[in-house]
Amino acid sequence: MFTGLIQDIGKVVQVEGQSRGLTLKISTNLDLTSLKVGDSIAVDGVCLTIVELAGQSFLVEVSPETRQRTTLAKVKAGQEVNLERPLRMSDPLGGHFVAGHVDGTGEILAIIPEGKSWRYYFRTSPEISKYLIPKGSVAIDGISLTIGDCQGEEFSVVVIPHTAAQTTLGKKKVGDQVNLEVDLLAKYIEKFLHRQEVIKPRPSKIDENFLAEHGYIK
């Protein structure tokens, strides 16, 4: 589990193919002494397992399914990526709960200056856009952001200077693809409401005739 608050911009130093999956070597300025092989780390919002630690670098493996669903399908050596270590019970929750299970990707349609900030416009699939609401949360390349406008399959977020400087979002351009993860609560609510529709209440057998037959009323 993560919070969507990026802790470092790492650099992919090596990419190797492996049975349609990938092995990535990533360098970072993070303190890796608190991590061990088998721990999780979010790379551009994708929860991956550390398989090797070497100084200020670590190796992670990307499964074929993850590669197909995320922007890691096109990752290259030299590319910068957002990094976040997993949430600990003692850590403050400054963003929102991010699982690291990316739902799909989106495309940057426009980047428009707005005061000292920038408004980014995105287009995504109907399967993802149905979960997006104004003032709701969304993780973009692992960054916890608040949704501004939503219309059909398009939505916008405002990126402040700090976020632009401390994440890879500030270097993105129109046409770039990003990883998207919608709010977990939205999916749970949809599932609950769907079950309520499927499990329709049965009509009660207790009516006026039943009560009269059993002597409760005359």
N, C-alpha and C. Protein backbone atom coordinates (compact mmCIF):
# COMPACT_ATOMS: atom_id res chain seq x y z
N MET A 1 0.84 -1.19 0.00
CA MET A 1 0.00 0.00 0.00
C MET A 1 0.88 1.24 0.00
N PHE A 2 0.42 2.27 -0.74
CA PHE A 2 1.18 3.50 -0.88
C PHE A 2 0.25 4.70 -0.64
N THR A 3 0.82 5.90 -0.70
CA THR A 3 0.02 7.10 -0.45
C THR A 3 -0.05 8.04 -1.64
N GLY A 4 0.78 7.80 -2.66
CA GLY A 4 0.79 8.69 -3.81
C GLY A 4 1.65 9.91 -3.62
N LEU A 5 2.49 9.92 -2.57
CA LEU A 5 3.45 11.00 -2.35
C LEU A 5 4.83 10.51 -2.79
N ILE A 6 5.30 11.01 -3.91
CA ILE A 6 6.54 10.52 -4.52
C ILE A 6 7.74 10.92 -3.64
N GLN A 7 8.62 9.95 -3.41
CA GLN A 7 9.77 10.17 -2.52
C GLN A 7 11.07 10.41 -3.28
N ASP A 8 11.13 10.00 -4.53
CA ASP A 8 12.34 10.22 -5.31
C ASP A 8 12.05 10.00 -6.79
N ILE A 9 12.84 10.65 -7.63
CA ILE A 9 12.82 10.36 -9.06
C ILE A 9 14.02 9.48 -9.35
N GLY A 10 13.75 8.22 -9.67
CA GLY A 10 14.81 7.28 -9.98
C GLY A 10 15.11 7.26 -11.46
N LYS A 11 16.16 6.53 -11.83
CA LYS A 11 16.52 6.42 -13.25
C LYS A 11 16.69 4.95 -13.61
N VAL A 12 16.03 4.55 -14.69
CA VAL A 12 16.19 3.19 -15.20
C VAL A 12 17.55 3.08 -15.87
N VAL A 13 18.40 2.21 -15.35
CA VAL A 13 19.75 2.09 -15.91
C VAL A 13 19.91 0.85 -16.78
N GLN A 14 18.96 -0.07 -16.66
CA GLN A 14 19.07 -1.29 -17.47
C GLN A 14 17.69 -1.91 -17.65
N VAL A 15 17.42 -2.39 -18.86
CA VAL A 15 16.16 -3.07 -19.17
C VAL A 15 16.49 -4.38 -19.87
N GLU A 16 16.00 -5.48 -19.31
CA GLU A 16 16.21 -6.79 -19.92
C GLU A 16 14.88 -7.50 -20.10
N GLY A 17 14.68 -8.11 -21.27
CA GLY A 17 13.47 -8.88 -21.53
C GLY A 17 13.56 -10.25 -20.90
N GLN A 18 12.39 -10.77 -20.50
CA GLN A 18 12.38 -12.09 -19.86
C GLN A 18 11.00 -12.72 -20.05
N SER A 19 10.88 -13.63 -21.02
CA SER A 19 9.61 -14.33 -21.28
C SER A 19 8.44 -13.36 -21.41
N ARG A 20 8.62 -12.36 -22.24
CA ARG A 20 7.63 -11.32 -22.48
C ARG A 20 7.50 -10.36 -21.30
N GLY A 21 8.13 -10.67 -20.17
CA GLY A 21 8.18 -9.74 -19.05
C GLY A 21 9.47 -8.95 -19.11
N LEU A 22 9.76 -8.19 -18.07
CA LEU A 22 10.95 -7.36 -18.04
C LEU A 22 11.64 -7.43 -16.69
N THR A 23 12.93 -7.20 -16.69
CA THR A 23 13.68 -6.96 -15.47
C THR A 23 14.29 -5.57 -15.58
N LEU A 24 14.01 -4.72 -14.59
CA LEU A 24 14.50 -3.35 -14.61
C LEU A 24 15.50 -3.13 -13.48
N LYS A 25 16.59 -2.46 -13.80
CA LYS A 25 17.52 -2.00 -12.78
C LYS A 25 17.37 -0.50 -12.66
N ILE A 26 17.09 -0.04 -11.44
CA ILE A 26 16.78 1.36 -11.22
C ILE A 26 17.70 1.93 -10.15
N SER A 27 18.29 3.08 -10.44
CA SER A 27 19.13 3.77 -9.45
C SER A 27 18.29 4.82 -8.74
N THR A 28 18.62 5.10 -7.49
CA THR A 28 17.82 6.01 -6.69
C THR A 28 18.66 6.66 -5.60
N ASN A 29 18.18 7.78 -5.08
CA ASN A 29 18.78 8.43 -3.93
C ASN A 29 18.08 8.04 -2.63
N LEU A 30 17.07 7.18 -2.72
CA LEU A 30 16.36 6.72 -1.53
C LEU A 30 17.29 5.94 -0.62
N ASP A 31 16.99 5.98 0.68
CA ASP A 31 17.70 5.15 1.63
C ASP A 31 17.15 3.73 1.50
N LEU A 32 17.95 2.85 0.92
CA LEU A 32 17.48 1.48 0.66
C LEU A 32 17.78 0.53 1.81
N THR A 33 18.40 1.05 2.89
CA THR A 33 18.75 0.17 4.00
C THR A 33 17.52 -0.38 4.72
N SER A 34 16.39 0.33 4.58
CA SER A 34 15.16 -0.14 5.23
C SER A 34 14.41 -1.15 4.38
N LEU A 35 14.91 -1.41 3.15
CA LEU A 35 14.26 -2.34 2.25
C LEU A 35 15.08 -3.61 2.12
N LYS A 36 14.40 -4.69 1.76
CA LYS A 36 15.08 -5.97 1.55
C LYS A 36 14.46 -6.66 0.34
N VAL A 37 15.14 -7.68 -0.15
CA VAL A 37 14.61 -8.46 -1.26
C VAL A 37 13.25 -9.03 -0.87
N GLY A 38 12.29 -8.87 -1.75
CA GLY A 38 10.93 -9.32 -1.47
C GLY A 38 9.98 -8.20 -1.10
N ASP A 39 10.54 -7.03 -0.75
CA ASP A 39 9.69 -5.89 -0.42
C ASP A 39 9.12 -5.27 -1.69
N SER A 40 8.04 -4.50 -1.51
CA SER A 40 7.41 -3.82 -2.64
C SER A 40 7.94 -2.41 -2.78
N ILE A 41 7.86 -1.89 -3.98
CA ILE A 41 8.18 -0.49 -4.25
C ILE A 41 7.34 -0.05 -5.45
N ALA A 42 6.86 1.18 -5.42
CA ALA A 42 6.04 1.69 -6.51
C ALA A 42 6.93 2.39 -7.53
N VAL A 43 6.85 1.96 -8.77
CA VAL A 43 7.62 2.54 -9.88
C VAL A 43 6.61 3.13 -10.87
N ASP A 44 6.55 4.46 -10.94
CA ASP A 44 5.52 5.12 -11.76
C ASP A 44 4.13 4.61 -11.42
N GLY A 45 3.92 4.36 -10.12
CA GLY A 45 2.60 3.94 -9.64
C GLY A 45 2.35 2.45 -9.72
N VAL A 46 3.31 1.68 -10.24
CA VAL A 46 3.15 0.23 -10.38
C VAL A 46 3.84 -0.46 -9.21
N CYS A 47 3.09 -1.24 -8.46
CA CYS A 47 3.66 -1.99 -7.33
C CYS A 47 4.49 -3.16 -7.86
N LEU A 48 5.79 -3.13 -7.59
CA LEU A 48 6.69 -4.18 -8.06
C LEU A 48 7.48 -4.74 -6.88
N THR A 49 7.98 -5.96 -7.04
CA THR A 49 8.74 -6.62 -5.99
C THR A 49 10.24 -6.51 -6.25
N ILE A 50 10.97 -6.10 -5.23
CA ILE A 50 12.43 -6.00 -5.34
C ILE A 50 13.02 -7.41 -5.32
N VAL A 51 13.80 -7.73 -6.34
CA VAL A 51 14.41 -9.06 -6.42
C VAL A 51 15.91 -9.02 -6.15
N GLU A 52 16.48 -7.80 -6.15
CA GLU A 52 17.90 -7.68 -5.85
C GLU A 52 18.21 -6.24 -5.45
N LEU A 53 19.12 -6.10 -4.48
CA LEU A 53 19.59 -4.80 -4.05
C LEU A 53 21.09 -4.72 -4.27
N ALA A 54 21.55 -3.59 -4.82
CA ALA A 54 22.98 -3.43 -5.08
C ALA A 54 23.35 -1.96 -4.91
N GLY A 55 23.86 -1.61 -3.73
CA GLY A 55 24.23 -0.22 -3.46
C GLY A 55 23.01 0.68 -3.53
N GLN A 56 23.08 1.67 -4.40
CA GLN A 56 21.95 2.59 -4.57
C GLN A 56 21.08 2.23 -5.76
N SER A 57 21.09 0.94 -6.11
CA SER A 57 20.24 0.44 -7.20
C SER A 57 19.47 -0.78 -6.72
N PHE A 58 18.39 -1.07 -7.41
CA PHE A 58 17.61 -2.27 -7.12
C PHE A 58 17.03 -2.82 -8.41
N LEU A 59 16.73 -4.11 -8.40
CA LEU A 59 16.13 -4.78 -9.55
C LEU A 59 14.71 -5.18 -9.23
N VAL A 60 13.83 -4.98 -10.19
CA VAL A 60 12.44 -5.42 -10.08
C VAL A 60 12.05 -6.16 -11.35
N GLU A 61 11.08 -7.07 -11.22
CA GLU A 61 10.59 -7.81 -12.38
C GLU A 61 9.18 -7.36 -12.72
N VAL A 62 8.93 -7.20 -14.01
CA VAL A 62 7.63 -6.77 -14.51
C VAL A 62 6.99 -7.95 -15.24
N SER A 63 5.83 -8.40 -14.76
CA SER A 63 5.16 -9.54 -15.38
C SER A 63 4.57 -9.16 -16.73
N PRO A 64 4.29 -10.15 -17.58
CA PRO A 64 3.67 -9.84 -18.89
C PRO A 64 2.36 -9.07 -18.76
N GLU A 65 1.53 -9.40 -17.76
CA GLU A 65 0.26 -8.70 -17.59
C GLU A 65 0.48 -7.24 -17.21
N THR A 66 1.40 -7.01 -16.27
CA THR A 66 1.71 -5.63 -15.86
C THR A 66 2.30 -4.85 -17.02
N ARG A 67 3.14 -5.49 -17.78
CA ARG A 67 3.75 -4.82 -18.94
C ARG A 67 2.68 -4.41 -19.94
N GLN A 68 1.70 -5.25 -20.14
CA GLN A 68 0.65 -4.97 -21.11
C GLN A 68 -0.28 -3.85 -20.63
N ARG A 69 -0.51 -3.78 -19.32
CA ARG A 69 -1.50 -2.86 -18.76
C ARG A 69 -0.94 -1.46 -18.49
N THR A 70 0.39 -1.33 -18.39
CA THR A 70 0.99 -0.07 -17.94
C THR A 70 1.96 0.50 -18.97
N THR A 71 2.47 1.68 -18.64
CA THR A 71 3.43 2.34 -19.52
C THR A 71 4.82 1.69 -19.45
N LEU A 72 5.01 0.75 -18.53
CA LEU A 72 6.30 0.07 -18.43
C LEU A 72 6.56 -0.80 -19.67
N ALA A 73 5.55 -0.99 -20.49
CA ALA A 73 5.74 -1.73 -21.75
C ALA A 73 6.74 -1.03 -22.65
N LYS A 74 6.87 0.30 -22.51
CA LYS A 74 7.75 1.06 -23.38
C LYS A 74 8.91 1.70 -22.62
N VAL A 75 9.19 1.22 -21.42
CA VAL A 75 10.25 1.80 -20.61
C VAL A 75 11.61 1.60 -21.28
N LYS A 76 12.48 2.60 -21.15
CA LYS A 76 13.81 2.54 -21.78
C LYS A 76 14.89 2.91 -20.77
N ALA A 77 16.10 2.43 -20.99
CA ALA A 77 17.22 2.82 -20.15
C ALA A 77 17.43 4.33 -20.25
N GLY A 78 17.69 4.95 -19.12
CA GLY A 78 17.85 6.40 -19.07
C GLY A 78 16.59 7.13 -18.69
N GLN A 79 15.46 6.44 -18.71
CA GLN A 79 14.17 7.07 -18.40
C GLN A 79 14.05 7.31 -16.90
N GLU A 80 13.45 8.45 -16.53
CA GLU A 80 13.20 8.76 -15.12
C GLU A 80 11.83 8.22 -14.71
N VAL A 81 11.75 7.74 -13.46
CA VAL A 81 10.51 7.15 -12.96
C VAL A 81 10.25 7.63 -11.53
N ASN A 82 8.98 7.76 -11.19
CA ASN A 82 8.60 8.13 -9.83
C ASN A 82 8.73 6.92 -8.91
N LEU A 83 9.27 7.14 -7.72
CA LEU A 83 9.46 6.05 -6.76
C LEU A 83 8.80 6.38 -5.42
N GLU A 84 8.21 5.35 -4.82
CA GLU A 84 7.66 5.48 -3.47
C GLU A 84 7.81 4.15 -2.75
N ARG A 85 8.36 4.21 -1.54
CA ARG A 85 8.45 3.02 -0.71
C ARG A 85 7.08 2.70 -0.13
N PRO A 86 6.84 1.45 0.29
CA PRO A 86 5.53 1.09 0.83
C PRO A 86 5.23 1.81 2.15
N LEU A 87 3.95 2.04 2.36
CA LEU A 87 3.47 2.72 3.56
C LEU A 87 3.67 1.83 4.79
N ARG A 88 4.19 2.45 5.87
CA ARG A 88 4.29 1.77 7.15
C ARG A 88 3.21 2.30 8.09
N MET A 89 2.88 1.53 9.12
CA MET A 89 1.81 1.93 10.03
C MET A 89 2.10 3.26 10.72
N SER A 90 3.38 3.58 10.89
CA SER A 90 3.76 4.82 11.58
C SER A 90 3.84 6.03 10.65
N ASP A 91 3.68 5.80 9.35
CA ASP A 91 3.81 6.89 8.38
C ASP A 91 2.54 7.73 8.30
N PRO A 92 2.67 9.04 8.09
CA PRO A 92 1.49 9.87 7.88
C PRO A 92 0.87 9.59 6.52
N LEU A 93 -0.44 9.69 6.43
CA LEU A 93 -1.14 9.47 5.16
C LEU A 93 -1.47 10.84 4.57
N GLY A 94 -0.57 11.34 3.73
CA GLY A 94 -0.74 12.68 3.20
C GLY A 94 -1.50 12.72 1.89
N GLY A 95 -1.54 11.60 1.15
CA GLY A 95 -2.25 11.57 -0.13
C GLY A 95 -3.55 10.81 0.01
N HIS A 96 -3.68 9.68 -0.70
CA HIS A 96 -4.80 8.78 -0.51
C HIS A 96 -4.28 7.36 -0.69
N PHE A 97 -5.08 6.37 -0.30
CA PHE A 97 -4.62 4.99 -0.39
C PHE A 97 -4.44 4.58 -1.86
N VAL A 98 -3.21 4.20 -2.20
CA VAL A 98 -2.87 3.78 -3.55
C VAL A 98 -2.33 2.36 -3.46
N ALA A 99 -2.96 1.44 -4.18
CA ALA A 99 -2.57 0.03 -4.09
C ALA A 99 -1.37 -0.31 -4.97
N GLY A 100 -1.16 0.49 -6.00
CA GLY A 100 -0.10 0.16 -6.94
C GLY A 100 -0.55 -0.81 -8.01
N HIS A 101 -1.86 -1.06 -8.07
CA HIS A 101 -2.44 -1.93 -9.08
C HIS A 101 -3.07 -1.04 -10.15
N VAL A 102 -2.27 -0.70 -11.14
CA VAL A 102 -2.69 0.26 -12.17
C VAL A 102 -3.88 -0.28 -12.96
N ASP A 103 -4.88 0.59 -13.16
CA ASP A 103 -6.09 0.19 -13.88
C ASP A 103 -5.94 0.31 -15.40
N GLY A 104 -5.03 1.15 -15.83
CA GLY A 104 -4.84 1.35 -17.27
C GLY A 104 -4.03 2.62 -17.49
N THR A 105 -4.07 3.09 -18.70
CA THR A 105 -3.28 4.28 -19.03
C THR A 105 -4.17 5.41 -19.55
N GLY A 106 -3.59 6.59 -19.59
CA GLY A 106 -4.26 7.75 -20.15
C GLY A 106 -3.28 8.54 -20.99
N GLU A 107 -3.81 9.43 -21.81
CA GLU A 107 -2.98 10.26 -22.68
C GLU A 107 -3.13 11.72 -22.30
N ILE A 108 -2.01 12.45 -22.26
CA ILE A 108 -2.06 13.88 -21.99
C ILE A 108 -2.55 14.61 -23.24
N LEU A 109 -3.66 15.33 -23.09
CA LEU A 109 -4.25 16.06 -24.22
C LEU A 109 -3.76 17.50 -24.30
N ALA A 110 -3.54 18.11 -23.14
CA ALA A 110 -3.12 19.52 -23.12
C ALA A 110 -2.50 19.84 -21.78
N ILE A 111 -1.60 20.81 -21.77
CA ILE A 111 -1.01 21.34 -20.54
C ILE A 111 -1.11 22.85 -20.62
N ILE A 112 -1.95 23.43 -19.75
CA ILE A 112 -2.25 24.86 -19.83
C ILE A 112 -1.83 25.56 -18.54
N PRO A 113 -0.98 26.61 -18.65
CA PRO A 113 -0.59 27.37 -17.45
C PRO A 113 -1.83 27.94 -16.76
N GLU A 114 -1.81 27.90 -15.43
CA GLU A 114 -2.93 28.42 -14.64
C GLU A 114 -2.34 29.09 -13.41
N GLY A 115 -2.06 30.39 -13.50
CA GLY A 115 -1.34 31.07 -12.44
C GLY A 115 0.09 30.55 -12.40
N LYS A 116 0.53 30.13 -11.22
CA LYS A 116 1.86 29.53 -11.07
C LYS A 116 1.83 28.02 -11.29
N SER A 117 0.65 27.48 -11.49
CA SER A 117 0.47 26.04 -11.67
C SER A 117 0.15 25.72 -13.13
N TRP A 118 -0.18 24.46 -13.38
CA TRP A 118 -0.56 24.01 -14.72
C TRP A 118 -1.76 23.09 -14.61
N ARG A 119 -2.67 23.21 -15.56
CA ARG A 119 -3.79 22.27 -15.63
C ARG A 119 -3.49 21.27 -16.74
N TYR A 120 -3.46 20.00 -16.35
CA TYR A 120 -3.22 18.90 -17.29
C TYR A 120 -4.56 18.27 -17.66
N TYR A 121 -4.77 18.07 -18.95
CA TYR A 121 -5.98 17.41 -19.44
C TYR A 121 -5.60 16.02 -19.96
N PHE A 122 -6.41 15.02 -19.59
CA PHE A 122 -6.15 13.63 -19.97
C PHE A 122 -7.36 13.01 -20.63
N ARG A 123 -7.10 12.00 -21.46
CA ARG A 123 -8.16 11.16 -21.99
C ARG A 123 -7.83 9.71 -21.61
N THR A 124 -8.86 8.98 -21.18
CA THR A 124 -8.66 7.59 -20.81
C THR A 124 -9.83 6.76 -21.32
N SER A 125 -9.90 5.50 -20.92
CA SER A 125 -10.95 4.60 -21.41
C SER A 125 -12.22 4.74 -20.58
N PRO A 126 -13.37 4.33 -21.13
CA PRO A 126 -14.63 4.37 -20.36
C PRO A 126 -14.56 3.51 -19.10
N GLU A 127 -13.77 2.43 -19.14
CA GLU A 127 -13.65 1.54 -17.99
C GLU A 127 -13.01 2.25 -16.80
N ILE A 128 -12.21 3.26 -17.07
CA ILE A 128 -11.56 4.03 -16.00
C ILE A 128 -12.34 5.31 -15.70
N SER A 129 -12.79 6.00 -16.73
CA SER A 129 -13.44 7.31 -16.54
C SER A 129 -14.72 7.21 -15.72
N LYS A 130 -15.37 6.05 -15.72
CA LYS A 130 -16.62 5.91 -14.96
C LYS A 130 -16.40 6.04 -13.46
N TYR A 131 -15.16 5.87 -13.00
CA TYR A 131 -14.86 5.96 -11.58
C TYR A 131 -14.40 7.36 -11.16
N LEU A 132 -14.25 8.28 -12.12
CA LEU A 132 -13.70 9.59 -11.83
C LEU A 132 -14.79 10.61 -11.57
N ILE A 133 -14.64 11.36 -10.49
CA ILE A 133 -15.61 12.40 -10.14
C ILE A 133 -14.86 13.68 -9.75
N PRO A 134 -15.45 14.86 -9.97
CA PRO A 134 -14.81 16.10 -9.55
C PRO A 134 -14.50 16.08 -8.06
N LYS A 135 -13.30 16.50 -7.70
CA LYS A 135 -12.79 16.55 -6.33
C LYS A 135 -12.46 15.16 -5.78
N GLY A 136 -12.56 14.14 -6.61
CA GLY A 136 -12.14 12.81 -6.21
C GLY A 136 -10.64 12.65 -6.39
N SER A 137 -10.13 11.49 -6.02
CA SER A 137 -8.69 11.23 -6.10
C SER A 137 -8.36 10.30 -7.26
N VAL A 138 -7.18 10.50 -7.82
CA VAL A 138 -6.67 9.61 -8.86
C VAL A 138 -5.15 9.59 -8.73
N ALA A 139 -4.55 8.43 -8.99
CA ALA A 139 -3.09 8.33 -9.00
C ALA A 139 -2.61 8.35 -10.44
N ILE A 140 -1.77 9.33 -10.77
CA ILE A 140 -1.22 9.48 -12.12
C ILE A 140 0.28 9.23 -12.04
N ASP A 141 0.74 8.14 -12.64
CA ASP A 141 2.14 7.73 -12.51
C ASP A 141 2.54 7.65 -11.04
N GLY A 142 1.59 7.23 -10.21
CA GLY A 142 1.84 7.06 -8.78
C GLY A 142 1.66 8.30 -7.94
N ILE A 143 1.30 9.43 -8.57
CA ILE A 143 1.15 10.71 -7.86
C ILE A 143 -0.31 10.89 -7.45
N SER A 144 -0.55 11.11 -6.18
CA SER A 144 -1.91 11.37 -5.70
C SER A 144 -2.33 12.78 -6.10
N LEU A 145 -3.40 12.87 -6.90
CA LEU A 145 -3.86 14.17 -7.39
C LEU A 145 -5.38 14.27 -7.26
N THR A 146 -5.86 15.50 -7.18
CA THR A 146 -7.30 15.76 -7.07
C THR A 146 -7.86 16.08 -8.45
N ILE A 147 -8.94 15.41 -8.78
CA ILE A 147 -9.57 15.61 -10.09
C ILE A 147 -10.30 16.95 -10.12
N GLY A 148 -10.11 17.67 -11.22
CA GLY A 148 -10.82 18.93 -11.40
C GLY A 148 -12.11 18.70 -12.16
N ASP A 149 -12.06 18.85 -13.46
CA ASP A 149 -13.24 18.64 -14.30
C ASP A 149 -13.27 17.22 -14.84
N CYS A 150 -14.47 16.72 -15.06
CA CYS A 150 -14.68 15.41 -15.72
C CYS A 150 -15.76 15.58 -16.77
N GLN A 151 -15.48 15.08 -17.96
CA GLN A 151 -16.49 15.10 -19.01
C GLN A 151 -16.24 13.94 -19.94
N GLY A 152 -17.13 12.96 -19.93
CA GLY A 152 -16.95 11.77 -20.76
C GLY A 152 -15.70 11.03 -20.36
N GLU A 153 -14.82 10.83 -21.32
CA GLU A 153 -13.58 10.10 -21.06
C GLU A 153 -12.41 11.03 -20.78
N GLU A 154 -12.69 12.33 -20.59
CA GLU A 154 -11.63 13.30 -20.35
C GLU A 154 -11.76 13.89 -18.95
N PHE A 155 -10.61 14.21 -18.35
CA PHE A 155 -10.60 14.84 -17.03
C PHE A 155 -9.36 15.70 -16.90
N SER A 156 -9.33 16.53 -15.88
CA SER A 156 -8.18 17.41 -15.68
C SER A 156 -7.75 17.39 -14.22
N VAL A 157 -6.49 17.75 -13.99
CA VAL A 157 -5.95 17.95 -12.64
C VAL A 157 -5.07 19.19 -12.67
N VAL A 158 -4.92 19.83 -11.54
CA VAL A 158 -4.01 20.98 -11.43
C VAL A 158 -2.74 20.51 -10.76
N VAL A 159 -1.61 20.82 -11.37
CA VAL A 159 -0.30 20.42 -10.86
C VAL A 159 0.43 21.66 -10.36
N ILE A 160 0.71 21.69 -9.06
CA ILE A 160 1.40 22.83 -8.48
C ILE A 160 2.91 22.74 -8.77
N PRO A 161 3.65 23.85 -8.64
CA PRO A 161 5.09 23.83 -8.95
C PRO A 161 5.87 22.77 -8.18
N HIS A 162 5.55 22.56 -6.90
CA HIS A 162 6.27 21.57 -6.09
C HIS A 162 6.13 20.18 -6.70
N THR A 163 4.89 19.81 -7.06
CA THR A 163 4.65 18.49 -7.65
C THR A 163 5.36 18.36 -8.99
N ALA A 164 5.33 19.41 -9.78
CA ALA A 164 6.00 19.38 -11.09
C ALA A 164 7.50 19.18 -10.94
N ALA A 165 8.07 19.79 -9.89
CA ALA A 165 9.52 19.72 -9.70
C ALA A 165 9.97 18.42 -9.05
N GLN A 166 9.11 17.84 -8.20
CA GLN A 166 9.50 16.67 -7.43
C GLN A 166 9.06 15.34 -8.05
N THR A 167 8.42 15.39 -9.20
CA THR A 167 7.97 14.19 -9.90
C THR A 167 8.31 14.31 -11.38
N THR A 168 8.06 13.24 -12.11
CA THR A 168 8.32 13.27 -13.56
C THR A 168 7.22 14.00 -14.32
N LEU A 169 6.13 14.35 -13.65
CA LEU A 169 5.01 14.98 -14.35
C LEU A 169 5.40 16.32 -14.96
N GLY A 170 6.32 17.01 -14.29
CA GLY A 170 6.75 18.32 -14.80
C GLY A 170 7.49 18.24 -16.12
N LYS A 171 7.97 17.05 -16.49
CA LYS A 171 8.72 16.88 -17.74
C LYS A 171 7.88 16.21 -18.83
N LYS A 172 6.61 15.90 -18.51
CA LYS A 172 5.75 15.27 -19.50
C LYS A 172 5.31 16.29 -20.55
N LYS A 173 4.91 15.77 -21.69
CA LYS A 173 4.44 16.64 -22.77
C LYS A 173 3.16 16.06 -23.37
N VAL A 174 2.49 16.87 -24.16
CA VAL A 174 1.25 16.44 -24.81
C VAL A 174 1.51 15.19 -25.66
N GLY A 175 0.63 14.21 -25.51
CA GLY A 175 0.77 12.95 -26.24
C GLY A 175 1.39 11.84 -25.43
N ASP A 176 2.04 12.19 -24.31
CA ASP A 176 2.65 11.16 -23.46
C ASP A 176 1.58 10.33 -22.77
N GLN A 177 1.91 9.07 -22.53
CA GLN A 177 1.03 8.15 -21.82
C GLN A 177 1.41 8.12 -20.33
N VAL A 178 0.41 7.96 -19.48
CA VAL A 178 0.64 7.88 -18.03
C VAL A 178 -0.16 6.72 -17.45
N ASN A 179 0.32 6.20 -16.33
CA ASN A 179 -0.42 5.16 -15.61
C ASN A 179 -1.51 5.79 -14.76
N LEU A 180 -2.66 5.13 -14.71
CA LEU A 180 -3.79 5.63 -13.92
C LEU A 180 -4.29 4.54 -12.97
N GLU A 181 -4.51 4.95 -11.74
CA GLU A 181 -5.19 4.07 -10.77
C GLU A 181 -6.29 4.87 -10.10
N VAL A 182 -7.52 4.38 -10.21
CA VAL A 182 -8.65 5.09 -9.62
C VAL A 182 -8.74 4.78 -8.13
N ASP A 183 -9.55 5.55 -7.44
CA ASP A 183 -9.72 5.39 -6.01
C ASP A 183 -10.32 4.02 -5.70
N LEU A 184 -9.70 3.30 -4.77
CA LEU A 184 -10.19 1.97 -4.39
C LEU A 184 -11.63 2.02 -3.91
N LEU A 185 -11.99 3.07 -3.18
CA LEU A 185 -13.34 3.16 -2.63
C LEU A 185 -14.39 3.17 -3.74
N ALA A 186 -14.08 3.81 -4.85
CA ALA A 186 -15.04 3.88 -5.96
C ALA A 186 -15.36 2.48 -6.48
N LYS A 187 -14.33 1.63 -6.57
CA LYS A 187 -14.55 0.27 -7.08
C LYS A 187 -15.31 -0.58 -6.08
N TYR A 188 -15.04 -0.40 -4.80
CA TYR A 188 -15.76 -1.16 -3.78
C TYR A 188 -17.24 -0.77 -3.75
N ILE A 189 -17.50 0.53 -3.88
CA ILE A 189 -18.89 1.00 -3.88
C ILE A 189 -19.64 0.45 -5.07
N GLU A 190 -19.00 0.46 -6.25
CA GLU A 190 -19.65 -0.10 -7.45
C GLU A 190 -19.98 -1.57 -7.25
N LYS A 191 -19.04 -2.33 -6.67
CA LYS A 191 -19.25 -3.75 -6.43
C LYS A 191 -20.40 -3.97 -5.47
N PHE A 192 -20.47 -3.16 -4.42
CA PHE A 192 -21.55 -3.28 -3.44
C PHE A 192 -22.90 -2.99 -4.06
N LEU A 193 -22.97 -1.91 -4.85
CA LEU A 193 -24.24 -1.55 -5.48
C LEU A 193 -24.66 -2.61 -6.50
N HIS A 194 -23.70 -3.18 -7.20
CA HIS A 194 -24.02 -4.24 -8.17
C HIS A 194 -24.61 -5.44 -7.46
N ARG A 195 -24.05 -5.81 -6.32
CA ARG A 195 -24.57 -6.95 -5.55
C ARG A 195 -25.97 -6.66 -5.05
N GLN A 196 -26.23 -5.40 -4.68
CA GLN A 196 -27.56 -5.03 -4.20
C GLN A 196 -28.60 -5.20 -5.30
N GLU A 197 -28.18 -4.94 -6.55
CA GLU A 197 -29.10 -5.10 -7.67
C GLU A 197 -29.35 -6.57 -7.99
N VAL A 198 -28.28 -7.38 -7.88
CA VAL A 198 -28.40 -8.79 -8.19
C VAL A 198 -29.22 -9.52 -7.14
N ILE A 199 -28.94 -9.21 -5.86
CA ILE A 199 -29.65 -9.88 -4.77
C ILE A 199 -30.88 -9.04 -4.43
N LYS A 200 -31.94 -9.26 -5.14
CA LYS A 200 -33.16 -8.49 -4.92
C LYS A 200 -33.91 -9.05 -3.70
N PRO A 201 -34.48 -8.18 -2.88
CA PRO A 201 -35.21 -8.65 -1.70
C PRO A 201 -36.42 -9.48 -2.09
N ARG A 202 -36.63 -10.58 -1.38
CA ARG A 202 -37.77 -11.45 -1.65
C ARG A 202 -39.02 -10.86 -1.00
N PRO A 203 -40.17 -10.99 -1.70
CA PRO A 203 -41.40 -10.48 -1.09
C PRO A 203 -41.75 -11.25 0.18
N SER A 204 -42.21 -10.54 1.18
CA SER A 204 -42.53 -11.17 2.46
C SER A 204 -43.78 -12.03 2.33
N LYS A 205 -43.76 -13.19 3.02
CA LYS A 205 -44.92 -14.08 3.04
C LYS A 205 -45.92 -13.66 4.11
N ILE A 206 -45.54 -12.71 4.91
CA ILE A 206 -46.42 -12.26 5.99
C ILE A 206 -47.28 -11.12 5.48
N ASP A 207 -48.55 -11.45 5.21
CA ASP A 207 -49.50 -10.43 4.78
C ASP A 207 -50.74 -10.53 5.64
N GLU A 208 -51.77 -9.82 5.25
CA GLU A 208 -52.99 -9.78 6.06
C GLU A 208 -53.63 -11.17 6.17
N ASN A 209 -53.65 -11.93 5.08
CA ASN A 209 -54.24 -13.27 5.11
C ASN A 209 -53.46 -14.20 6.03
N PHE A 210 -52.12 -14.10 5.99
CA PHE A 210 -51.28 -14.94 6.84
C PHE A 210 -51.56 -14.66 8.32
N LEU A 211 -51.66 -13.37 8.66
CA LEU A 211 -51.91 -13.00 10.05
C LEU A 211 -53.28 -13.47 10.51
N ALA A 212 -54.28 -13.40 9.60
CA ALA A 212 -55.63 -13.84 9.96
C ALA A 212 -55.67 -15.35 10.15
N GLU A 213 -55.01 -16.10 9.29
CA GLU A 213 -54.99 -17.55 9.38
C GLU A 213 -54.35 -18.04 10.68
N HIS A 214 -53.41 -17.29 11.20
CA HIS A 214 -52.70 -17.71 12.41
C HIS A 214 -53.21 -17.00 13.66
N GLY A 215 -54.36 -16.36 13.54
CA GLY A 215 -55.03 -15.81 14.70
C GLY A 215 -54.49 -14.51 15.25
N TYR A 216 -53.63 -13.84 14.47
CA TYR A 216 -53.08 -12.57 14.97
C TYR A 216 -54.05 -11.42 14.78
N ILE A 217 -54.91 -11.51 13.76
CA ILE A 217 -55.94 -10.50 13.56
C ILE A 217 -57.24 -11.19 13.23
N LYS A 218 -58.32 -10.47 13.41
CA LYS A 218 -59.65 -11.01 13.12
C LYS A 218 -60.26 -10.26 11.93
